[in-house]
Amino acid sequence: MKYLILIYRNPSTRKIWEEGFTDADRAAAYRAYAELNDSLTASGELIISESLMDEEEARHVTVRDGKALASDGPFAEVKELLAGFYLVEADSMDRAVEIAAAIPEVAAGAAEIRPVRELP
């Protein structure tokens, strides 16, 4: 089954990354992501993983009366913002939880796991 693992961060974790981490700390975090990606690729579980640009780059899109309207985002009043995702093929939700727990940013943020609905 496919699982989408959504990685969330909050403004305080972003500030720690930008101001509290040394270059060596950031390099270690990037290595941890690379090692996780390599491991999931080797096991055949990784479909795709991406990091997302900061929320200031987002657009909120609605369609009203057949017209698309795009506005600066984000619009949700949230404390945690989507930072990236993994789409994996895993044997079970338990395995998806193990994968999510191995994502470095989840130690300071959070992850949401959603099974992917297979449409006919």
N, C-alpha and C. Protein backbone atom coordinates (compact mmCIF):
# COMPACT_ATOMS: atom_id res chain seq x y z
N MET A 1 0.84 -1.18 0.00
CA MET A 1 0.00 0.00 0.00
C MET A 1 0.89 1.24 0.00
N LYS A 2 0.42 2.28 -0.66
CA LYS A 2 1.14 3.55 -0.68
C LYS A 2 0.70 4.39 0.51
N TYR A 3 1.67 5.09 1.09
CA TYR A 3 1.41 6.01 2.20
C TYR A 3 2.08 7.34 1.89
N LEU A 4 1.36 8.42 2.14
CA LEU A 4 1.92 9.76 2.02
C LEU A 4 2.27 10.22 3.43
N ILE A 5 3.53 10.53 3.62
CA ILE A 5 4.00 11.03 4.93
C ILE A 5 4.24 12.52 4.76
N LEU A 6 3.41 13.31 5.42
CA LEU A 6 3.50 14.77 5.36
C LEU A 6 4.35 15.25 6.54
N ILE A 7 5.37 16.04 6.26
CA ILE A 7 6.28 16.53 7.28
C ILE A 7 5.90 17.96 7.63
N TYR A 8 5.67 18.21 8.91
CA TYR A 8 5.28 19.54 9.35
C TYR A 8 6.36 20.15 10.22
N ARG A 9 6.48 21.45 10.12
CA ARG A 9 7.37 22.22 10.99
C ARG A 9 6.59 23.42 11.50
N ASN A 10 7.13 24.04 12.51
CA ASN A 10 6.50 25.26 13.02
C ASN A 10 7.53 26.38 12.99
N PRO A 11 7.11 27.61 13.17
CA PRO A 11 8.05 28.72 13.08
C PRO A 11 9.24 28.61 14.04
N SER A 12 9.03 28.02 15.22
CA SER A 12 10.15 27.91 16.16
C SER A 12 11.18 26.90 15.68
N THR A 13 10.74 25.81 15.04
CA THR A 13 11.72 24.84 14.52
C THR A 13 12.48 25.43 13.34
N ARG A 14 11.82 26.24 12.53
CA ARG A 14 12.50 26.91 11.41
C ARG A 14 13.55 27.87 11.94
N LYS A 15 13.23 28.59 13.01
CA LYS A 15 14.18 29.53 13.60
C LYS A 15 15.39 28.79 14.16
N ILE A 16 15.16 27.63 14.77
CA ILE A 16 16.28 26.83 15.28
C ILE A 16 17.18 26.42 14.12
N TRP A 17 16.58 25.96 13.01
CA TRP A 17 17.35 25.56 11.84
C TRP A 17 18.20 26.73 11.32
N GLU A 18 17.59 27.92 11.23
CA GLU A 18 18.27 29.08 10.66
C GLU A 18 19.28 29.72 11.60
N GLU A 19 18.94 29.80 12.89
CA GLU A 19 19.77 30.56 13.82
C GLU A 19 20.49 29.70 14.86
N GLY A 20 19.92 28.54 15.20
CA GLY A 20 20.49 27.73 16.26
C GLY A 20 21.43 26.63 15.79
N PHE A 21 21.35 26.28 14.51
CA PHE A 21 22.21 25.22 13.98
C PHE A 21 23.47 25.82 13.39
N THR A 22 24.56 25.14 13.59
CA THR A 22 25.79 25.50 12.92
C THR A 22 25.76 24.90 11.51
N ASP A 23 26.72 25.29 10.70
CA ASP A 23 26.82 24.69 9.38
C ASP A 23 27.02 23.17 9.50
N ALA A 24 27.77 22.75 10.51
CA ALA A 24 28.00 21.31 10.73
C ALA A 24 26.70 20.61 11.13
N ASP A 25 25.87 21.26 11.94
CA ASP A 25 24.58 20.69 12.33
C ASP A 25 23.69 20.49 11.10
N ARG A 26 23.64 21.51 10.25
CA ARG A 26 22.82 21.42 9.05
C ARG A 26 23.35 20.33 8.11
N ALA A 27 24.67 20.24 7.97
CA ALA A 27 25.26 19.20 7.13
C ALA A 27 24.92 17.81 7.67
N ALA A 28 24.94 17.65 8.98
CA ALA A 28 24.58 16.36 9.59
C ALA A 28 23.12 16.02 9.32
N ALA A 29 22.24 17.02 9.38
CA ALA A 29 20.82 16.79 9.11
C ALA A 29 20.62 16.38 7.65
N TYR A 30 21.30 17.07 6.74
CA TYR A 30 21.19 16.70 5.32
C TYR A 30 21.72 15.28 5.08
N ARG A 31 22.80 14.90 5.78
CA ARG A 31 23.32 13.53 5.66
C ARG A 31 22.28 12.52 6.15
N ALA A 32 21.60 12.85 7.26
CA ALA A 32 20.58 11.95 7.79
C ALA A 32 19.45 11.75 6.78
N TYR A 33 19.04 12.83 6.11
CA TYR A 33 18.02 12.71 5.06
C TYR A 33 18.54 11.85 3.92
N ALA A 34 19.78 12.07 3.49
CA ALA A 34 20.36 11.30 2.39
C ALA A 34 20.43 9.82 2.75
N GLU A 35 20.82 9.52 3.98
CA GLU A 35 20.90 8.13 4.42
C GLU A 35 19.52 7.47 4.44
N LEU A 36 18.50 8.20 4.91
CA LEU A 36 17.14 7.68 4.90
C LEU A 36 16.68 7.43 3.47
N ASN A 37 16.92 8.39 2.59
CA ASN A 37 16.52 8.23 1.19
C ASN A 37 17.22 7.03 0.56
N ASP A 38 18.53 6.89 0.82
CA ASP A 38 19.27 5.75 0.28
C ASP A 38 18.71 4.43 0.80
N SER A 39 18.40 4.38 2.07
CA SER A 39 17.86 3.16 2.68
C SER A 39 16.50 2.79 2.08
N LEU A 40 15.63 3.79 1.94
CA LEU A 40 14.29 3.54 1.38
C LEU A 40 14.36 3.20 -0.10
N THR A 41 15.32 3.77 -0.82
CA THR A 41 15.51 3.43 -2.23
C THR A 41 15.99 1.98 -2.34
N ALA A 42 16.96 1.61 -1.50
CA ALA A 42 17.50 0.24 -1.54
C ALA A 42 16.43 -0.80 -1.20
N SER A 43 15.51 -0.46 -0.29
CA SER A 43 14.46 -1.41 0.09
C SER A 43 13.30 -1.42 -0.91
N GLY A 44 13.29 -0.46 -1.84
CA GLY A 44 12.21 -0.38 -2.82
C GLY A 44 10.97 0.33 -2.29
N GLU A 45 11.07 0.95 -1.11
CA GLU A 45 9.90 1.60 -0.51
C GLU A 45 9.71 3.05 -0.95
N LEU A 46 10.78 3.73 -1.35
CA LEU A 46 10.68 5.14 -1.70
C LEU A 46 10.11 5.31 -3.10
N ILE A 47 9.04 6.07 -3.21
CA ILE A 47 8.49 6.43 -4.52
C ILE A 47 9.01 7.82 -4.88
N ILE A 48 8.84 8.78 -3.97
CA ILE A 48 9.35 10.14 -4.18
C ILE A 48 9.37 10.85 -2.82
N SER A 49 10.30 11.78 -2.71
CA SER A 49 10.37 12.63 -1.53
C SER A 49 10.81 14.02 -1.98
N GLU A 50 10.18 15.03 -1.44
CA GLU A 50 10.53 16.41 -1.79
C GLU A 50 10.43 17.31 -0.58
N SER A 51 11.27 18.31 -0.57
CA SER A 51 11.19 19.39 0.41
C SER A 51 10.45 20.54 -0.26
N LEU A 52 9.63 21.23 0.49
CA LEU A 52 8.85 22.33 -0.07
C LEU A 52 9.45 23.68 0.30
N MET A 53 9.28 24.64 -0.59
CA MET A 53 9.71 26.01 -0.31
C MET A 53 8.89 26.56 0.86
N ASP A 54 9.39 27.63 1.46
CA ASP A 54 8.69 28.23 2.59
C ASP A 54 7.31 28.74 2.17
N GLU A 55 6.46 28.88 3.16
CA GLU A 55 5.05 29.23 2.92
C GLU A 55 4.88 30.58 2.22
N GLU A 56 5.85 31.46 2.31
CA GLU A 56 5.75 32.75 1.61
C GLU A 56 5.70 32.58 0.09
N GLU A 57 6.17 31.44 -0.40
CA GLU A 57 6.17 31.16 -1.83
C GLU A 57 4.87 30.49 -2.29
N ALA A 58 4.00 30.15 -1.35
CA ALA A 58 2.79 29.39 -1.67
C ALA A 58 1.72 30.28 -2.32
N ARG A 59 0.80 29.65 -3.00
CA ARG A 59 -0.37 30.34 -3.55
C ARG A 59 -1.61 29.56 -3.14
N HIS A 60 -2.64 30.28 -2.83
CA HIS A 60 -3.93 29.72 -2.46
C HIS A 60 -4.83 29.88 -3.68
N VAL A 61 -5.38 28.78 -4.18
CA VAL A 61 -6.16 28.83 -5.41
C VAL A 61 -7.61 28.43 -5.12
N THR A 62 -8.51 29.24 -5.62
CA THR A 62 -9.94 28.92 -5.58
C THR A 62 -10.49 29.11 -6.98
N VAL A 63 -11.62 28.47 -7.25
CA VAL A 63 -12.31 28.68 -8.52
C VAL A 63 -13.72 29.12 -8.17
N ARG A 64 -14.10 30.29 -8.64
CA ARG A 64 -15.43 30.85 -8.42
C ARG A 64 -15.99 31.32 -9.75
N ASP A 65 -17.20 30.90 -10.02
CA ASP A 65 -17.85 31.27 -11.28
C ASP A 65 -16.96 30.95 -12.48
N GLY A 66 -16.26 29.83 -12.41
CA GLY A 66 -15.43 29.38 -13.51
C GLY A 66 -14.10 30.08 -13.65
N LYS A 67 -13.78 31.00 -12.73
CA LYS A 67 -12.52 31.74 -12.80
C LYS A 67 -11.60 31.30 -11.67
N ALA A 68 -10.35 31.02 -12.05
CA ALA A 68 -9.34 30.67 -11.05
C ALA A 68 -8.78 31.94 -10.43
N LEU A 69 -8.73 31.96 -9.12
CA LEU A 69 -8.16 33.08 -8.38
C LEU A 69 -6.99 32.57 -7.56
N ALA A 70 -5.82 33.14 -7.76
CA ALA A 70 -4.63 32.75 -7.00
C ALA A 70 -4.21 33.93 -6.13
N SER A 71 -4.04 33.66 -4.85
CA SER A 71 -3.63 34.69 -3.90
C SER A 71 -2.40 34.21 -3.15
N ASP A 72 -1.67 35.16 -2.58
CA ASP A 72 -0.54 34.77 -1.75
C ASP A 72 -1.04 33.90 -0.62
N GLY A 73 -0.25 32.92 -0.22
CA GLY A 73 -0.64 32.02 0.86
C GLY A 73 0.37 32.12 1.97
N PRO A 74 0.26 31.32 2.98
CA PRO A 74 -0.85 30.40 3.20
C PRO A 74 -2.02 31.12 3.85
N PHE A 75 -3.19 30.52 3.78
CA PHE A 75 -4.37 31.14 4.36
C PHE A 75 -4.82 30.46 5.64
N ALA A 76 -4.41 29.23 5.83
CA ALA A 76 -4.83 28.51 7.03
C ALA A 76 -4.16 29.13 8.26
N GLU A 77 -4.92 29.30 9.31
CA GLU A 77 -4.37 29.77 10.57
C GLU A 77 -3.85 28.55 11.31
N VAL A 78 -2.59 28.24 11.11
CA VAL A 78 -2.03 27.03 11.67
C VAL A 78 -0.75 27.33 12.43
N LYS A 79 -0.41 26.44 13.33
CA LYS A 79 0.85 26.56 14.06
C LYS A 79 1.93 25.73 13.41
N GLU A 80 1.53 24.74 12.60
CA GLU A 80 2.49 23.91 11.90
C GLU A 80 2.22 23.99 10.41
N LEU A 81 3.30 24.07 9.63
CA LEU A 81 3.19 24.23 8.19
C LEU A 81 3.84 23.06 7.48
N LEU A 82 3.30 22.71 6.33
CA LEU A 82 3.82 21.61 5.55
C LEU A 82 5.21 21.96 5.03
N ALA A 83 6.20 21.10 5.33
CA ALA A 83 7.58 21.36 4.95
C ALA A 83 8.06 20.43 3.84
N GLY A 84 7.46 19.26 3.71
CA GLY A 84 7.89 18.31 2.70
C GLY A 84 7.07 17.04 2.82
N PHE A 85 7.44 16.05 2.01
CA PHE A 85 6.68 14.81 2.05
C PHE A 85 7.50 13.65 1.53
N TYR A 86 7.09 12.48 1.91
CA TYR A 86 7.57 11.21 1.35
C TYR A 86 6.35 10.46 0.85
N LEU A 87 6.44 9.90 -0.33
CA LEU A 87 5.44 8.94 -0.80
C LEU A 87 6.16 7.61 -0.84
N VAL A 88 5.68 6.67 -0.03
CA VAL A 88 6.35 5.39 0.10
C VAL A 88 5.38 4.24 -0.19
N GLU A 89 5.94 3.12 -0.55
CA GLU A 89 5.18 1.86 -0.69
C GLU A 89 5.63 1.01 0.48
N ALA A 90 4.73 0.77 1.43
CA ALA A 90 5.08 0.04 2.65
C ALA A 90 4.10 -1.10 2.87
N ASP A 91 4.56 -2.11 3.59
CA ASP A 91 3.73 -3.29 3.85
C ASP A 91 2.58 -3.01 4.80
N SER A 92 2.74 -1.98 5.66
CA SER A 92 1.72 -1.74 6.67
C SER A 92 1.83 -0.31 7.19
N MET A 93 0.79 0.10 7.91
CA MET A 93 0.83 1.40 8.57
C MET A 93 1.96 1.42 9.61
N ASP A 94 2.18 0.30 10.28
CA ASP A 94 3.26 0.24 11.27
C ASP A 94 4.60 0.56 10.62
N ARG A 95 4.84 0.02 9.43
CA ARG A 95 6.09 0.31 8.72
C ARG A 95 6.14 1.77 8.32
N ALA A 96 5.03 2.34 7.88
CA ALA A 96 4.99 3.77 7.53
C ALA A 96 5.31 4.63 8.75
N VAL A 97 4.84 4.22 9.92
CA VAL A 97 5.15 4.94 11.15
C VAL A 97 6.65 4.88 11.44
N GLU A 98 7.26 3.71 11.23
CA GLU A 98 8.71 3.57 11.42
C GLU A 98 9.47 4.52 10.50
N ILE A 99 9.04 4.59 9.24
CA ILE A 99 9.69 5.48 8.28
C ILE A 99 9.53 6.93 8.72
N ALA A 100 8.32 7.33 9.10
CA ALA A 100 8.08 8.71 9.54
C ALA A 100 8.94 9.05 10.74
N ALA A 101 9.10 8.12 11.66
CA ALA A 101 9.89 8.37 12.86
C ALA A 101 11.37 8.56 12.54
N ALA A 102 11.82 8.05 11.39
CA ALA A 102 13.22 8.19 10.99
C ALA A 102 13.51 9.50 10.26
N ILE A 103 12.49 10.27 9.95
CA ILE A 103 12.69 11.55 9.27
C ILE A 103 13.24 12.56 10.27
N PRO A 104 14.43 13.12 10.00
CA PRO A 104 15.07 14.00 10.98
C PRO A 104 14.18 15.13 11.51
N GLU A 105 13.44 15.78 10.66
CA GLU A 105 12.64 16.94 11.09
C GLU A 105 11.50 16.56 12.03
N VAL A 106 11.09 15.32 12.01
CA VAL A 106 9.97 14.89 12.85
C VAL A 106 10.36 14.94 14.34
N ALA A 107 11.65 14.86 14.64
CA ALA A 107 12.10 14.95 16.03
C ALA A 107 11.74 16.30 16.65
N ALA A 108 11.64 17.33 15.82
CA ALA A 108 11.29 18.66 16.34
C ALA A 108 9.92 19.12 15.85
N GLY A 109 9.42 18.51 14.79
CA GLY A 109 8.13 18.89 14.23
C GLY A 109 7.12 17.77 14.41
N ALA A 110 6.53 17.35 13.32
CA ALA A 110 5.54 16.26 13.36
C ALA A 110 5.38 15.71 11.95
N ALA A 111 4.75 14.55 11.86
CA ALA A 111 4.41 13.97 10.56
C ALA A 111 2.99 13.43 10.61
N GLU A 112 2.34 13.49 9.49
CA GLU A 112 1.01 12.90 9.33
C GLU A 112 1.13 11.84 8.25
N ILE A 113 0.56 10.67 8.49
CA ILE A 113 0.60 9.59 7.51
C ILE A 113 -0.80 9.35 6.99
N ARG A 114 -0.93 9.37 5.67
CA ARG A 114 -2.22 9.16 5.04
C ARG A 114 -2.10 8.04 4.03
N PRO A 115 -2.88 6.96 4.18
CA PRO A 115 -2.90 5.95 3.13
C PRO A 115 -3.42 6.58 1.83
N VAL A 116 -2.86 6.15 0.72
CA VAL A 116 -3.27 6.67 -0.57
C VAL A 116 -4.42 5.82 -1.10
N ARG A 117 -5.50 6.45 -1.47
CA ARG A 117 -6.66 5.75 -2.02
C ARG A 117 -6.37 5.40 -3.47
N GLU A 118 -6.51 4.14 -3.78
CA GLU A 118 -6.34 3.67 -5.17
C GLU A 118 -7.67 3.86 -5.89
N LEU A 119 -7.66 4.69 -6.91
CA LEU A 119 -8.89 4.92 -7.68
C LEU A 119 -8.91 4.01 -8.90
N PRO A 120 -10.08 3.56 -9.28
CA PRO A 120 -10.17 2.67 -10.44
C PRO A 120 -9.86 3.42 -11.73
